[in-house]
Amino acid sequence: MSDFPELNPVVHGRLRLALLSLLSAVEGAEFTWLRAKTDATDGNLGAQLLKLEDAGYVTVEKKFVLRKPRTLYRITKIGRQALTEYVKALKQLLGPAI
């Protein structure tokens, strides 16, 4: 089993992987957009984004626009690198199957 690459457990979660993938394709995304794209509940989405933030994979910016709260998430350089390494490890794990 030691020949197999380690998959980053922070990235490996289905919703966290989806969030990093979405954020890697945009400059930034609002919480509401991420919720719509992932069909996640507010609580689950918030918890998974917090895990990514704690790992340093995303940044969060909270502010008010016309008295309405706006939360913007961005993938960090470290988060982009973690996603790239995860995909590379997954390809290595799957081998010629892909």
C-alpha atoms as a PDB file:
ATOM      1  CA  MET A   1       0.000   0.000   0.000  1.00  0.00           C
ATOM      2  CA  SER A   2       2.992   2.336   0.395  1.00  0.00           C
ATOM      3  CA  ASP A   3       3.268   2.636  -3.419  1.00  0.00           C
ATOM      4  CA  PHE A   4       0.028   4.552  -3.456  1.00  0.00           C
ATOM      5  CA  PRO A   5       0.118   8.341  -3.128  1.00  0.00           C
ATOM      6  CA  GLU A   6      -1.475  10.041  -0.135  1.00  0.00           C
ATOM      7  CA  LEU A   7      -4.607  11.999  -0.945  1.00  0.00           C
ATOM      8  CA  ASN A   8      -4.838  15.273   0.967  1.00  0.00           C
ATOM      9  CA  PRO A   9      -7.695  14.700   3.451  1.00  0.00           C
ATOM     10  CA  VAL A  10      -8.660  18.383   3.457  1.00  0.00           C
ATOM     11  CA  VAL A  11      -9.108  18.428  -0.317  1.00  0.00           C
ATOM     12  CA  HIS A  12     -10.528  14.898  -0.480  1.00  0.00           C
ATOM     13  CA  GLY A  13     -13.947  15.769   0.926  1.00  0.00           C
ATOM     14  CA  ARG A  14     -16.468  15.845  -1.912  1.00  0.00           C
ATOM     15  CA  LEU A  15     -17.816  19.319  -1.171  1.00  0.00           C
ATOM     16  CA  ARG A  16     -14.368  20.754  -0.382  1.00  0.00           C
ATOM     17  CA  LEU A  17     -13.022  19.374  -3.666  1.00  0.00           C
ATOM     18  CA  ALA A  18     -15.947  20.926  -5.514  1.00  0.00           C
ATOM     19  CA  LEU A  19     -15.408  24.274  -3.787  1.00  0.00           C
ATOM     20  CA  LEU A  20     -11.696  24.371  -4.603  1.00  0.00           C
ATOM     21  CA  SER A  21     -12.445  23.397  -8.196  1.00  0.00           C
ATOM     22  CA  LEU A  22     -15.044  26.145  -8.544  1.00  0.00           C
ATOM     23  CA  LEU A  23     -12.827  28.747  -6.893  1.00  0.00           C
ATOM     24  CA  SER A  24      -9.855  27.815  -9.070  1.00  0.00           C
ATOM     25  CA  ALA A  25     -11.828  28.898 -12.140  1.00  0.00           C
ATOM     26  CA  VAL A  26     -12.929  32.336 -10.901  1.00  0.00           C
ATOM     27  CA  GLU A  27     -11.306  35.376  -9.326  1.00  0.00           C
ATOM     28  CA  GLY A  28     -13.654  35.183  -6.359  1.00  0.00           C
ATOM     29  CA  ALA A  29     -17.095  33.872  -5.521  1.00  0.00           C
ATOM     30  CA  GLU A  30     -19.860  34.887  -3.171  1.00  0.00           C
ATOM     31  CA  PHE A  31     -21.255  32.458  -0.638  1.00  0.00           C
ATOM     32  CA  THR A  32     -24.628  32.496  -2.394  1.00  0.00           C
ATOM     33  CA  TRP A  33     -23.070  31.574  -5.757  1.00  0.00           C
ATOM     34  CA  LEU A  34     -21.145  28.689  -4.192  1.00  0.00           C
ATOM     35  CA  ARG A  35     -24.320  27.502  -2.470  1.00  0.00           C
ATOM     36  CA  ALA A  36     -26.219  27.547  -5.760  1.00  0.00           C
ATOM     37  CA  LYS A  37     -23.448  25.729  -7.635  1.00  0.00           C
ATOM     38  CA  THR A  38     -23.019  23.005  -5.024  1.00  0.00           C
ATOM     39  CA  ASP A  39     -26.628  22.722  -3.816  1.00  0.00           C
ATOM     40  CA  ALA A  40     -25.240  22.556  -0.266  1.00  0.00           C
ATOM     41  CA  THR A  41     -27.042  23.756   2.828  1.00  0.00           C
ATOM     42  CA  ASP A  42     -25.829  26.979   4.428  1.00  0.00           C
ATOM     43  CA  GLY A  43     -24.544  25.097   7.467  1.00  0.00           C
ATOM     44  CA  ASN A  44     -22.626  22.438   5.549  1.00  0.00           C
ATOM     45  CA  LEU A  45     -21.217  24.945   3.071  1.00  0.00           C
ATOM     46  CA  GLY A  46     -20.091  27.238   5.882  1.00  0.00           C
ATOM     47  CA  ALA A  47     -18.453  24.369   7.772  1.00  0.00           C
ATOM     48  CA  GLN A  48     -16.562  23.128   4.711  1.00  0.00           C
ATOM     49  CA  LEU A  49     -15.432  26.632   3.746  1.00  0.00           C
ATOM     50  CA  LEU A  50     -14.191  27.122   7.307  1.00  0.00           C
ATOM     51  CA  LYS A  51     -12.095  23.940   7.021  1.00  0.00           C
ATOM     52  CA  LEU A  52     -10.596  25.255   3.794  1.00  0.00           C
ATOM     53  CA  GLU A  53      -9.975  28.636   5.398  1.00  0.00           C
ATOM     54  CA  ASP A  54      -8.334  27.037   8.457  1.00  0.00           C
ATOM     55  CA  ALA A  55      -6.031  25.090   6.118  1.00  0.00           C
ATOM     56  CA  GLY A  56      -5.079  28.334   4.347  1.00  0.00           C
ATOM     57  CA  TYR A  57      -6.642  27.177   1.080  1.00  0.00           C
ATOM     58  CA  VAL A  58      -9.195  29.978   0.797  1.00  0.00           C
ATOM     59  CA  THR A  59      -9.521  33.529   2.030  1.00  0.00           C
ATOM     60  CA  VAL A  60     -12.766  35.150   3.073  1.00  0.00           C
ATOM     61  CA  GLU A  61     -13.786  38.781   2.829  1.00  0.00           C
ATOM     62  CA  LYS A  62     -16.922  39.911   4.612  1.00  0.00           C
ATOM     63  CA  LYS A  63     -18.510  43.291   4.027  1.00  0.00           C
ATOM     64  CA  PHE A  64     -21.831  45.013   3.556  1.00  0.00           C
ATOM     65  CA  VAL A  65     -23.087  46.229   0.192  1.00  0.00           C
ATOM     66  CA  LEU A  66     -26.189  48.403   0.408  1.00  0.00           C
ATOM     67  CA  ARG A  67     -26.724  47.148   3.964  1.00  0.00           C
ATOM     68  CA  LYS A  68     -26.693  43.512   2.857  1.00  0.00           C
ATOM     69  CA  PRO A  69     -23.940  41.143   3.964  1.00  0.00           C
ATOM     70  CA  ARG A  70     -21.611  39.952   1.237  1.00  0.00           C
ATOM     71  CA  THR A  71     -19.101  37.149   1.784  1.00  0.00           C
ATOM     72  CA  LEU A  72     -16.499  36.621  -0.922  1.00  0.00           C
ATOM     73  CA  TYR A  73     -14.192  33.603  -1.103  1.00  0.00           C
ATOM     74  CA  ARG A  74     -10.962  33.278  -3.066  1.00  0.00           C
ATOM     75  CA  ILE A  75      -8.606  30.357  -3.506  1.00  0.00           C
ATOM     76  CA  THR A  76      -5.095  31.054  -2.230  1.00  0.00           C
ATOM     77  CA  LYS A  77      -1.816  30.129  -3.860  1.00  0.00           C
ATOM     78  CA  ILE A  78      -1.475  27.347  -1.283  1.00  0.00           C
ATOM     79  CA  GLY A  79      -5.021  26.167  -2.047  1.00  0.00           C
ATOM     80  CA  ARG A  80      -4.335  26.104  -5.787  1.00  0.00           C
ATOM     81  CA  GLN A  81      -1.152  24.120  -5.146  1.00  0.00           C
ATOM     82  CA  ALA A  82      -3.003  21.665  -2.873  1.00  0.00           C
ATOM     83  CA  LEU A  83      -5.659  21.133  -5.557  1.00  0.00           C
ATOM     84  CA  THR A  84      -3.007  20.586  -8.243  1.00  0.00           C
ATOM     85  CA  GLU A  85      -1.133  18.097  -6.058  1.00  0.00           C
ATOM     86  CA  TYR A  86      -4.384  16.298  -5.237  1.00  0.00           C
ATOM     87  CA  VAL A  87      -5.255  15.897  -8.917  1.00  0.00           C
ATOM     88  CA  LYS A  88      -1.720  14.698  -9.666  1.00  0.00           C
ATOM     89  CA  ALA A  89      -1.891  12.120  -6.832  1.00  0.00           C
ATOM     90  CA  LEU A  90      -5.327  10.975  -7.997  1.00  0.00           C
ATOM     91  CA  LYS A  91      -4.034  10.477 -11.543  1.00  0.00           C
ATOM     92  CA  GLN A  92      -1.088   8.514 -10.166  1.00  0.00           C
ATOM     93  CA  LEU A  93      -3.417   6.398  -8.038  1.00  0.00           C
ATOM     94  CA  LEU A  94      -5.715   5.632 -10.975  1.00  0.00           C
ATOM     95  CA  GLY A  95      -2.797   4.938 -13.316  1.00  0.00           C
ATOM     96  CA  PRO A  96      -3.650   3.876 -16.829  1.00  0.00           C
ATOM     97  CA  ALA A  97      -7.352   3.663 -15.957  1.00  0.00           C
ATOM     98  CA  ILE A  98      -7.745   7.297 -16.987  1.00  0.00           C
END
